[in-house]
Protein backbone atom coordinates (compact mmCIF):
# COMPACT_ATOMS: atom_id res chain seq x y z
CA UNK A 1 0.00 0.00 0.00
CA UNK A 2 1.38 3.40 -0.93
CA UNK A 3 1.94 6.00 1.77
CA UNK A 4 0.13 9.25 1.12
CA UNK A 5 2.30 12.36 1.36
CA UNK A 6 0.63 15.31 3.09
CA UNK A 7 -0.59 18.04 0.76
CA UNK A 8 1.34 20.72 2.61
CA UNK A 9 4.75 19.33 1.55
CA UNK A 10 5.80 18.53 5.12
CA UNK A 11 6.66 14.94 4.14
CA UNK A 12 10.01 16.10 2.78
CA UNK A 13 11.14 17.93 5.90
CA UNK A 14 13.72 16.71 8.42
CA UNK A 15 13.67 17.78 12.06
CA UNK A 16 15.72 16.55 14.99
CA UNK A 17 14.75 18.54 18.10
CA UNK A 18 12.09 16.98 20.33
CA UNK A 19 9.83 20.02 20.17
CA UNK A 20 10.08 20.24 16.37
CA UNK A 21 9.18 16.56 16.02
CA UNK A 22 5.84 17.40 17.58
CA UNK A 23 5.30 20.74 15.86
CA UNK A 24 5.93 19.58 12.29
CA UNK A 25 3.02 17.11 12.21
CA UNK A 26 0.80 19.67 13.94
CA UNK A 27 1.67 22.34 11.40
CA UNK A 28 1.27 19.97 8.46
CA UNK A 29 -2.18 18.90 9.67
CA UNK A 30 -3.17 22.53 10.18
CA UNK A 31 -1.93 23.62 6.76
CA UNK A 32 -3.62 20.63 5.13
CA UNK A 33 -6.90 21.50 6.85
CA UNK A 34 -6.64 25.13 5.72
CA UNK A 35 -5.84 24.10 2.13
CA UNK A 36 -8.74 21.64 2.10
CA UNK A 37 -11.14 24.26 3.43
CA UNK A 38 -10.03 26.89 0.93
CA UNK A 39 -10.21 24.40 -1.94
CA UNK A 40 -13.72 23.34 -0.94
CA UNK A 41 -15.01 26.88 -0.63
CA UNK A 42 -13.50 28.29 -3.83
CA UNK A 43 -14.06 27.50 -7.47
CA UNK A 44 -12.19 24.48 -8.87
CA UNK A 45 -9.17 25.33 -11.00
CA UNK A 46 -8.64 23.19 -14.11
CA UNK A 47 -5.11 21.86 -14.52
CA UNK A 48 -5.22 22.10 -18.33
CA UNK A 49 -7.44 22.10 -21.40
CA UNK A 50 -8.07 18.37 -20.97
CA UNK A 51 -9.56 18.85 -17.50
CA UNK A 52 -13.25 19.28 -18.29
CA UNK A 53 -14.64 18.24 -14.89
CA UNK A 54 -12.15 19.71 -12.44
CA UNK A 55 -12.57 18.93 -8.77
CA UNK A 56 -11.89 21.42 -5.95
CA UNK A 57 -9.01 19.64 -4.22
CA UNK A 58 -6.26 20.90 -1.95
CA UNK A 59 -3.60 19.62 -4.35
CA UNK A 60 -4.95 21.74 -7.21
CA UNK A 61 -5.07 24.80 -4.98
CA UNK A 62 -1.49 24.19 -3.88
CA UNK A 63 -0.49 23.78 -7.54
CA UNK A 64 -2.01 27.21 -8.30
CA UNK A 65 -0.44 28.84 -5.25
CA UNK A 66 3.03 27.57 -6.22
CA UNK A 67 2.84 29.74 -9.35
CA UNK A 68 1.85 32.92 -7.52
CA UNK A 69 4.60 35.45 -6.87
CA UNK A 70 3.67 36.92 -3.53
CA UNK A 71 5.70 40.05 -4.25
CA UNK A 72 3.18 40.89 -6.97
CA UNK A 73 0.28 40.85 -4.52
CA UNK A 74 1.29 44.17 -2.99
CA UNK A 75 1.60 45.24 0.60
CA UNK A 76 -0.75 43.96 3.24
CA UNK A 77 -3.00 46.50 4.92
CA UNK A 78 -1.67 47.93 8.17
CA UNK A 79 -4.62 46.50 10.09
CA UNK A 80 -5.87 43.14 8.87
CA UNK A 81 -8.97 43.35 11.02
CA UNK A 82 -10.55 45.91 13.29
CA UNK A 83 -10.25 45.20 16.98
CA UNK A 84 -13.73 45.25 18.47
CA UNK A 85 -12.77 45.46 22.13
CA UNK A 86 -11.09 48.67 23.30
CA UNK A 87 -7.87 48.13 25.24
CA UNK A 88 -6.79 51.71 25.86
CA UNK A 89 -7.72 51.45 29.55
CA UNK A 90 -5.18 48.64 30.11
CA UNK A 91 -1.59 49.25 31.19
CA UNK A 92 1.20 48.66 28.71
CA UNK A 93 4.75 47.38 28.98
CA UNK A 94 6.26 46.66 32.38
CA UNK A 95 3.34 48.21 34.20
CA UNK A 96 0.98 45.65 32.68
CA UNK A 97 2.58 42.69 34.41
CA UNK A 98 4.16 44.28 37.49
CA UNK A 99 2.66 43.11 40.76
CA UNK A 100 0.65 45.64 42.66
CA UNK A 101 0.60 45.88 46.44
CA UNK A 102 -2.78 45.15 47.85
CA UNK A 103 -4.40 47.81 49.98
CA UNK A 104 -5.16 46.27 53.35
CA UNK A 105 -8.72 46.95 54.42
CA UNK A 106 -8.85 49.24 57.41
CA UNK A 107 -10.59 47.67 60.36
CA UNK A 108 -13.92 49.29 60.96
CA UNK A 109 -14.72 50.65 64.37
CA UNK A 110 -17.93 48.61 64.49
CA UNK A 111 -16.04 45.32 64.50
CA UNK A 112 -13.71 46.52 67.31
CA UNK A 113 -16.50 47.46 69.66
CA UNK A 114 -18.48 44.29 69.17
C-alpha cells in the first residue's frame, strides 16, 4: 500500500529537536486543513485544457499557489482586522505585568466594639 504524502509538503522535511518533532506534524495537519477548506469553498481550477470536470481539491489549490509570486500581490493592509474590544484602559509594557501591592482593608470601628 502506498503511503500518502501530506498536501502541505511537510513529508520532505527533516527535524531533529524533540519540540520540532511534535510541531511539524501539527503544522502539516493545520496547513492541510486550511488548504482543504479553501479548496472546498473556492471555485475548482482546471489543470489544463483536458480537464473538463475539475474537482476542488487541496492539491490543485497548492499547484495554483506555487505559481503565484507573492511580491506581486502588494503590501498587506496595516490593520488586517478591526479590533472590536477597546484596550486603551489597560496598562502597557512593564506596568501591565508588574505586581501591585494590595491595599489592606482598614478595620472598621464597628467590629472593634463588638
